[in-house]
Amino acid sequence: MTNNTLTRMDLSEAVFREVGLSRNESAQLVESVLQHMSDALVAGETVKISSFGTFSVREKASRMGRNPKTGEEVPISPRRVLSFRPSHLMKDRVADGNA
């Protein structure tokens, strides 16, 4: 397994090579898409990308937790968490190792 990470710059470069926009326009397009996704998630909407997966925000209730070191009970406050559920196609591609 490699330690490579796909970055915004890599996405911009892929758009530049495959779509033919300028590098600046490609970077703006990637930023715009990510901003739209972020805005939708902040608003509590679900972001569903066909053949990729679904991003959603879940509301977690407050609960009692335990400090594993001391055993002391501590309250965990309610919070919103981001979750991602990959599509079956994505799960299959990752499991098969196909690019």
C-alpha atoms as a PDB file:
ATOM      1  CA  MET A   1       0.000   0.000   0.000  1.00  0.00           C
ATOM      2  CA  THR A   2       1.354   3.420  -0.935  1.00  0.00           C
ATOM      3  CA  ASN A   3       1.175   6.566   1.139  1.00  0.00           C
ATOM      4  CA  ASN A   4       0.038   8.770  -1.754  1.00  0.00           C
ATOM      5  CA  THR A   5      -2.641  11.366  -1.088  1.00  0.00           C
ATOM      6  CA  LEU A   6      -4.930  12.918  -3.689  1.00  0.00           C
ATOM      7  CA  THR A   7      -4.938  16.698  -3.184  1.00  0.00           C
ATOM      8  CA  ARG A   8      -6.905  19.643  -4.562  1.00  0.00           C
ATOM      9  CA  MET A   9      -3.925  20.380  -6.800  1.00  0.00           C
ATOM     10  CA  ASP A  10      -4.018  16.833  -8.189  1.00  0.00           C
ATOM     11  CA  LEU A  11      -7.737  17.233  -8.956  1.00  0.00           C
ATOM     12  CA  SER A  12      -7.088  20.594 -10.636  1.00  0.00           C
ATOM     13  CA  GLU A  13      -4.298  19.076 -12.706  1.00  0.00           C
ATOM     14  CA  ALA A  14      -6.578  16.199 -13.796  1.00  0.00           C
ATOM     15  CA  VAL A  15      -9.269  18.684 -14.870  1.00  0.00           C
ATOM     16  CA  PHE A  16      -6.613  20.687 -16.734  1.00  0.00           C
ATOM     17  CA  ARG A  17      -5.376  17.595 -18.613  1.00  0.00           C
ATOM     18  CA  GLU A  18      -8.723  15.915 -19.322  1.00  0.00           C
ATOM     19  CA  VAL A  19     -11.119  18.832 -19.844  1.00  0.00           C
ATOM     20  CA  GLY A  20      -8.776  21.348 -21.400  1.00  0.00           C
ATOM     21  CA  LEU A  21      -9.477  24.332 -19.157  1.00  0.00           C
ATOM     22  CA  SER A  22      -6.573  26.529 -18.149  1.00  0.00           C
ATOM     23  CA  ARG A  23      -4.805  25.654 -14.894  1.00  0.00           C
ATOM     24  CA  ASN A  24      -6.372  28.662 -13.193  1.00  0.00           C
ATOM     25  CA  GLU A  25      -9.877  27.800 -14.441  1.00  0.00           C
ATOM     26  CA  SER A  26      -9.372  24.164 -13.413  1.00  0.00           C
ATOM     27  CA  ALA A  27      -8.383  25.198  -9.885  1.00  0.00           C
ATOM     28  CA  GLN A  28     -11.412  27.515  -9.676  1.00  0.00           C
ATOM     29  CA  LEU A  29     -13.727  24.724 -10.861  1.00  0.00           C
ATOM     30  CA  VAL A  30     -12.419  22.276  -8.246  1.00  0.00           C
ATOM     31  CA  GLU A  31     -12.716  24.937  -5.514  1.00  0.00           C
ATOM     32  CA  SER A  32     -16.258  25.755  -6.622  1.00  0.00           C
ATOM     33  CA  VAL A  33     -17.365  22.101  -6.526  1.00  0.00           C
ATOM     34  CA  LEU A  34     -15.829  21.549  -3.091  1.00  0.00           C
ATOM     35  CA  GLN A  35     -17.391  24.790  -1.806  1.00  0.00           C
ATOM     36  CA  HIS A  36     -20.853  23.735  -3.049  1.00  0.00           C
ATOM     37  CA  MET A  37     -20.457  20.365  -1.344  1.00  0.00           C
ATOM     38  CA  SER A  38     -19.293  21.987   1.905  1.00  0.00           C
ATOM     39  CA  ASP A  39     -22.126  24.531   1.880  1.00  0.00           C
ATOM     40  CA  ALA A  40     -24.715  21.795   1.361  1.00  0.00           C
ATOM     41  CA  LEU A  41     -23.303  19.721   4.237  1.00  0.00           C
ATOM     42  CA  VAL A  42     -23.191  22.729   6.579  1.00  0.00           C
ATOM     43  CA  ALA A  43     -26.863  23.341   5.725  1.00  0.00           C
ATOM     44  CA  GLY A  44     -27.626  19.740   6.742  1.00  0.00           C
ATOM     45  CA  GLU A  45     -28.215  18.490   3.206  1.00  0.00           C
ATOM     46  CA  THR A  46     -27.029  15.149   1.864  1.00  0.00           C
ATOM     47  CA  VAL A  47     -24.485  15.124  -0.972  1.00  0.00           C
ATOM     48  CA  LYS A  48     -24.939  12.096  -3.217  1.00  0.00           C
ATOM     49  CA  ILE A  49     -22.471  11.432  -6.030  1.00  0.00           C
ATOM     50  CA  SER A  50     -23.557   8.613  -8.323  1.00  0.00           C
ATOM     51  CA  SER A  51     -21.176   5.619  -8.459  1.00  0.00           C
ATOM     52  CA  PHE A  52     -19.061   7.212  -5.698  1.00  0.00           C
ATOM     53  CA  GLY A  53     -20.990   7.575  -2.457  1.00  0.00           C
ATOM     54  CA  THR A  54     -23.057   9.718  -0.127  1.00  0.00           C
ATOM     55  CA  PHE A  55     -21.866  12.353   2.330  1.00  0.00           C
ATOM     56  CA  SER A  56     -24.267  13.203   5.136  1.00  0.00           C
ATOM     57  CA  VAL A  57     -24.331  15.002   8.468  1.00  0.00           C
ATOM     58  CA  ARG A  58     -25.599  13.125  11.517  1.00  0.00           C
ATOM     59  CA  GLU A  59     -26.724  14.617  14.789  1.00  0.00           C
ATOM     60  CA  LYS A  60     -25.244  12.724  17.727  1.00  0.00           C
ATOM     61  CA  ALA A  61     -26.969  13.055  21.079  1.00  0.00           C
ATOM     62  CA  SER A  62     -25.170  13.772  24.310  1.00  0.00           C
ATOM     63  CA  ARG A  63     -24.060  10.725  26.259  1.00  0.00           C
ATOM     64  CA  MET A  64     -21.874   9.651  29.101  1.00  0.00           C
ATOM     65  CA  GLY A  65     -18.384   8.511  28.209  1.00  0.00           C
ATOM     66  CA  ARG A  66     -15.535   7.162  30.272  1.00  0.00           C
ATOM     67  CA  ASN A  67     -11.939   8.321  30.495  1.00  0.00           C
ATOM     68  CA  PRO A  68     -10.066   5.082  29.757  1.00  0.00           C
ATOM     69  CA  LYS A  69      -7.080   6.113  31.852  1.00  0.00           C
ATOM     70  CA  THR A  70      -8.889   7.066  35.053  1.00  0.00           C
ATOM     71  CA  GLY A  71     -12.248   5.329  34.631  1.00  0.00           C
ATOM     72  CA  GLU A  72     -13.961   8.640  35.437  1.00  0.00           C
ATOM     73  CA  GLU A  73     -17.312   9.247  33.713  1.00  0.00           C
ATOM     74  CA  VAL A  74     -17.429  12.390  31.609  1.00  0.00           C
ATOM     75  CA  PRO A  75     -20.315  13.890  29.642  1.00  0.00           C
ATOM     76  CA  ILE A  76     -19.911  14.006  25.875  1.00  0.00           C
ATOM     77  CA  SER A  77     -21.802  16.950  24.423  1.00  0.00           C
ATOM     78  CA  PRO A  78     -24.154  16.662  21.433  1.00  0.00           C
ATOM     79  CA  ARG A  79     -22.489  17.272  18.089  1.00  0.00           C
ATOM     80  CA  ARG A  80     -22.808  17.043  14.347  1.00  0.00           C
ATOM     81  CA  VAL A  81     -20.563  14.564  12.551  1.00  0.00           C
ATOM     82  CA  LEU A  82     -19.822  14.049   8.877  1.00  0.00           C
ATOM     83  CA  SER A  83     -20.250  10.543   7.548  1.00  0.00           C
ATOM     84  CA  PHE A  84     -19.492   8.978   4.168  1.00  0.00           C
ATOM     85  CA  ARG A  85     -21.137   5.878   2.803  1.00  0.00           C
ATOM     86  CA  PRO A  86     -19.469   4.541  -0.359  1.00  0.00           C
ATOM     87  CA  SER A  87     -21.620   3.201  -3.193  1.00  0.00           C
ATOM     88  CA  HIS A  88     -21.603  -0.502  -3.970  1.00  0.00           C
ATOM     89  CA  LEU A  89     -19.694   0.234  -7.185  1.00  0.00           C
ATOM     90  CA  MET A  90     -16.993   2.081  -5.228  1.00  0.00           C
ATOM     91  CA  LYS A  91     -16.790  -0.699  -2.638  1.00  0.00           C
ATOM     92  CA  ASP A  92     -16.363  -3.254  -5.417  1.00  0.00           C
ATOM     93  CA  ARG A  93     -13.689  -1.186  -7.202  1.00  0.00           C
ATOM     94  CA  VAL A  94     -11.687  -0.751  -4.001  1.00  0.00           C
ATOM     95  CA  ALA A  95     -12.030  -4.426  -3.068  1.00  0.00           C
ATOM     96  CA  ASP A  96     -10.918  -5.527  -6.546  1.00  0.00           C
ATOM     97  CA  GLY A  97      -8.098  -2.978  -6.680  1.00  0.00           C
ATOM     98  CA  ASN A  98      -9.243  -1.625 -10.059  1.00  0.00           C
ATOM     99  CA  ALA A  99      -8.379   1.923 -10.983  1.00  0.00           C
END
